[in-house]
């Protein structure tokens, strides 16, 4: 389902990411094994959020989880990003909205938003 690939389980919209399609096919297509973990020497192969959400709880995205935001979700953020906490809050709100309207409609909305209004991998 290639059209769903920009919809990461964590609430990030990958559609504006410069690496989408060339280096990375998207969270869903990569099954949580995102390319940047190897570049950043991150000590895990599969994203812990993906493992929790998809592999353990069998959910499409974290917005469908009654535990959002859980410790796993909150702990995974870029330590070098001074806006990381704000970005997490935006993603949580986006996930809640996605749970209400569905992923297809959420993707359509994300495609229409200006870059500054959408949680994205290129922020």
C-alpha atoms as a PDB file:
ATOM      1  CA  UNK A   1       0.000   0.000   0.000  1.00  0.00           C
ATOM      2  CA  UNK A   2       2.524   2.582  -1.257  1.00  0.00           C
ATOM      3  CA  UNK A   3       0.176   5.558  -0.857  1.00  0.00           C
ATOM      4  CA  UNK A   4       0.193   4.969   2.926  1.00  0.00           C
ATOM      5  CA  UNK A   5       4.006   5.017   3.262  1.00  0.00           C
ATOM      6  CA  UNK A   6       4.232   8.714   4.236  1.00  0.00           C
ATOM      7  CA  UNK A   7       2.060   7.948   7.291  1.00  0.00           C
ATOM      8  CA  UNK A   8       4.486   6.861  10.014  1.00  0.00           C
ATOM      9  CA  UNK A   9       3.046   5.060  13.044  1.00  0.00           C
ATOM     10  CA  UNK A  10       4.442   7.767  15.342  1.00  0.00           C
ATOM     11  CA  UNK A  11       2.490  10.601  13.717  1.00  0.00           C
ATOM     12  CA  UNK A  12       5.215  12.012  11.525  1.00  0.00           C
ATOM     13  CA  UNK A  13       4.175  12.841   7.978  1.00  0.00           C
ATOM     14  CA  UNK A  14       7.081  11.700   5.812  1.00  0.00           C
ATOM     15  CA  UNK A  15       5.695  13.128   2.582  1.00  0.00           C
ATOM     16  CA  UNK A  16       7.990  16.147   2.695  1.00  0.00           C
ATOM     17  CA  UNK A  17      11.117  14.219   3.635  1.00  0.00           C
ATOM     18  CA  UNK A  18      13.872  14.492   1.063  1.00  0.00           C
ATOM     19  CA  UNK A  19      14.774  10.820   1.613  1.00  0.00           C
ATOM     20  CA  UNK A  20      11.331   9.374   0.936  1.00  0.00           C
ATOM     21  CA  UNK A  21      11.392   7.033  -2.054  1.00  0.00           C
ATOM     22  CA  UNK A  22      15.109   7.462  -2.839  1.00  0.00           C
ATOM     23  CA  UNK A  23      16.691   6.236   0.406  1.00  0.00           C
ATOM     24  CA  UNK A  24      13.655   5.246   2.450  1.00  0.00           C
ATOM     25  CA  UNK A  25      10.324   3.859   1.315  1.00  0.00           C
ATOM     26  CA  UNK A  26       8.516   5.016   4.454  1.00  0.00           C
ATOM     27  CA  UNK A  27       7.865   3.552   7.865  1.00  0.00           C
ATOM     28  CA  UNK A  28       5.232   1.056   6.689  1.00  0.00           C
ATOM     29  CA  UNK A  29       7.227  -0.215   3.736  1.00  0.00           C
ATOM     30  CA  UNK A  30      10.410  -0.481   5.805  1.00  0.00           C
ATOM     31  CA  UNK A  31       8.555  -2.287   8.642  1.00  0.00           C
ATOM     32  CA  UNK A  32      10.070   0.113  11.168  1.00  0.00           C
ATOM     33  CA  UNK A  33      13.643  -0.462   9.966  1.00  0.00           C
ATOM     34  CA  UNK A  34      14.324   3.113   8.968  1.00  0.00           C
ATOM     35  CA  UNK A  35      17.555   3.994   7.164  1.00  0.00           C
ATOM     36  CA  UNK A  36      18.753   6.739   9.502  1.00  0.00           C
ATOM     37  CA  UNK A  37      19.387   4.357  12.396  1.00  0.00           C
ATOM     38  CA  UNK A  38      22.457   3.071  10.566  1.00  0.00           C
ATOM     39  CA  UNK A  39      23.666   6.600   9.774  1.00  0.00           C
ATOM     40  CA  UNK A  40      23.292   7.798  13.351  1.00  0.00           C
ATOM     41  CA  UNK A  41      24.693   4.594  14.899  1.00  0.00           C
ATOM     42  CA  UNK A  42      21.513   4.005  16.870  1.00  0.00           C
ATOM     43  CA  UNK A  43      21.715   0.736  18.822  1.00  0.00           C
ATOM     44  CA  UNK A  44      18.528  -0.832  17.447  1.00  0.00           C
ATOM     45  CA  UNK A  45      17.505  -2.117  14.065  1.00  0.00           C
ATOM     46  CA  UNK A  46      13.740  -1.645  14.327  1.00  0.00           C
ATOM     47  CA  UNK A  47      12.147   1.491  15.741  1.00  0.00           C
ATOM     48  CA  UNK A  48      10.884   0.813  19.303  1.00  0.00           C
ATOM     49  CA  UNK A  49       7.695   2.747  18.548  1.00  0.00           C
ATOM     50  CA  UNK A  50       7.046   0.515  15.518  1.00  0.00           C
ATOM     51  CA  UNK A  51       7.745  -2.607  17.589  1.00  0.00           C
ATOM     52  CA  UNK A  52       5.339  -1.536  20.324  1.00  0.00           C
ATOM     53  CA  UNK A  53       2.566  -0.250  18.082  1.00  0.00           C
ATOM     54  CA  UNK A  54       2.569  -2.631  15.138  1.00  0.00           C
ATOM     55  CA  UNK A  55       4.348  -5.790  16.220  1.00  0.00           C
ATOM     56  CA  UNK A  56       3.166  -6.020  19.841  1.00  0.00           C
ATOM     57  CA  UNK A  57      -0.194  -4.226  19.894  1.00  0.00           C
ATOM     58  CA  UNK A  58      -1.124  -4.859  16.223  1.00  0.00           C
ATOM     59  CA  UNK A  59      -2.264  -1.261  15.679  1.00  0.00           C
ATOM     60  CA  UNK A  60      -1.990   0.814  12.512  1.00  0.00           C
ATOM     61  CA  UNK A  61      -0.613   3.824  14.408  1.00  0.00           C
ATOM     62  CA  UNK A  62      -0.083   5.137  17.932  1.00  0.00           C
ATOM     63  CA  UNK A  63      -3.197   7.301  17.787  1.00  0.00           C
ATOM     64  CA  UNK A  64      -5.254   4.130  18.157  1.00  0.00           C
ATOM     65  CA  UNK A  65      -3.500   3.188  21.397  1.00  0.00           C
ATOM     66  CA  UNK A  66      -5.159   3.948  24.727  1.00  0.00           C
ATOM     67  CA  UNK A  67      -1.692   4.424  26.272  1.00  0.00           C
ATOM     68  CA  UNK A  68      -0.687   7.363  24.024  1.00  0.00           C
ATOM     69  CA  UNK A  69       1.602   8.997  25.017  1.00  0.00           C
ATOM     70  CA  UNK A  70       3.467   6.109  26.635  1.00  0.00           C
ATOM     71  CA  UNK A  71       7.037   6.068  27.943  1.00  0.00           C
ATOM     72  CA  UNK A  72       8.320   4.414  24.757  1.00  0.00           C
ATOM     73  CA  UNK A  73       6.729   7.093  22.606  1.00  0.00           C
ATOM     74  CA  UNK A  74       7.940  10.005  24.731  1.00  0.00           C
ATOM     75  CA  UNK A  75      11.483   8.680  25.132  1.00  0.00           C
ATOM     76  CA  UNK A  76      12.219   8.425  21.418  1.00  0.00           C
ATOM     77  CA  UNK A  77      13.211  11.882  20.230  1.00  0.00           C
ATOM     78  CA  UNK A  78      16.209  13.653  18.801  1.00  0.00           C
ATOM     79  CA  UNK A  79      18.331  14.778  21.775  1.00  0.00           C
ATOM     80  CA  UNK A  80      19.947  17.449  19.593  1.00  0.00           C
ATOM     81  CA  UNK A  81      16.633  19.040  18.621  1.00  0.00           C
ATOM     82  CA  UNK A  82      15.662  21.948  20.905  1.00  0.00           C
ATOM     83  CA  UNK A  83      12.127  21.689  19.495  1.00  0.00           C
ATOM     84  CA  UNK A  84      11.806  17.938  20.179  1.00  0.00           C
ATOM     85  CA  UNK A  85       9.210  18.255  22.954  1.00  0.00           C
ATOM     86  CA  UNK A  86       7.089  20.625  20.877  1.00  0.00           C
ATOM     87  CA  UNK A  87       7.375  18.290  17.904  1.00  0.00           C
ATOM     88  CA  UNK A  88       6.217  15.352  20.074  1.00  0.00           C
ATOM     89  CA  UNK A  89       3.157  17.323  21.251  1.00  0.00           C
ATOM     90  CA  UNK A  90       2.301  18.199  17.644  1.00  0.00           C
ATOM     91  CA  UNK A  91       2.630  14.546  16.622  1.00  0.00           C
ATOM     92  CA  UNK A  92       0.395  13.425  19.501  1.00  0.00           C
ATOM     93  CA  UNK A  93      -2.314  15.877  18.465  1.00  0.00           C
ATOM     94  CA  UNK A  94      -1.905  14.801  14.859  1.00  0.00           C
ATOM     95  CA  UNK A  95      -2.254  11.129  15.857  1.00  0.00           C
ATOM     96  CA  UNK A  96      -5.422  11.842  17.805  1.00  0.00           C
ATOM     97  CA  UNK A  97      -6.866  13.595  14.764  1.00  0.00           C
ATOM     98  CA  UNK A  98      -5.740  10.736  12.501  1.00  0.00           C
ATOM     99  CA  UNK A  99      -7.581   8.279  14.767  1.00  0.00           C
ATOM    100  CA  UNK A 100     -10.744  10.356  14.356  1.00  0.00           C
ATOM    101  CA  UNK A 101     -10.677  10.882  10.589  1.00  0.00           C
ATOM    102  CA  UNK A 102      -8.736   7.844   9.357  1.00  0.00           C
ATOM    103  CA  UNK A 103      -5.327   7.623   7.733  1.00  0.00           C
ATOM    104  CA  UNK A 104      -6.426   8.287   4.146  1.00  0.00           C
ATOM    105  CA  UNK A 105      -8.137  11.545   5.035  1.00  0.00           C
ATOM    106  CA  UNK A 106      -5.259  12.484   7.379  1.00  0.00           C
ATOM    107  CA  UNK A 107      -2.803  12.002   4.502  1.00  0.00           C
ATOM    108  CA  UNK A 108      -4.928  14.164   2.214  1.00  0.00           C
ATOM    109  CA  UNK A 109      -4.959  16.892   4.863  1.00  0.00           C
ATOM    110  CA  UNK A 110      -1.191  16.631   5.406  1.00  0.00           C
ATOM    111  CA  UNK A 111      -0.551  17.045   1.694  1.00  0.00           C
ATOM    112  CA  UNK A 112      -2.492  20.324   1.713  1.00  0.00           C
ATOM    113  CA  UNK A 113      -0.857  21.813   4.826  1.00  0.00           C
ATOM    114  CA  UNK A 114       2.050  24.240   4.562  1.00  0.00           C
ATOM    115  CA  UNK A 115       5.292  22.712   5.796  1.00  0.00           C
ATOM    116  CA  UNK A 116       5.295  24.645   9.070  1.00  0.00           C
ATOM    117  CA  UNK A 117       1.877  23.229  10.074  1.00  0.00           C
ATOM    118  CA  UNK A 118       2.633  19.550   9.614  1.00  0.00           C
ATOM    119  CA  UNK A 119       4.792  17.272  11.767  1.00  0.00           C
ATOM    120  CA  UNK A 120       7.241  15.936   9.225  1.00  0.00           C
ATOM    121  CA  UNK A 121      10.469  14.044   9.000  1.00  0.00           C
ATOM    122  CA  UNK A 122      12.222  17.012   7.431  1.00  0.00           C
ATOM    123  CA  UNK A 123      11.531  19.443  10.295  1.00  0.00           C
END
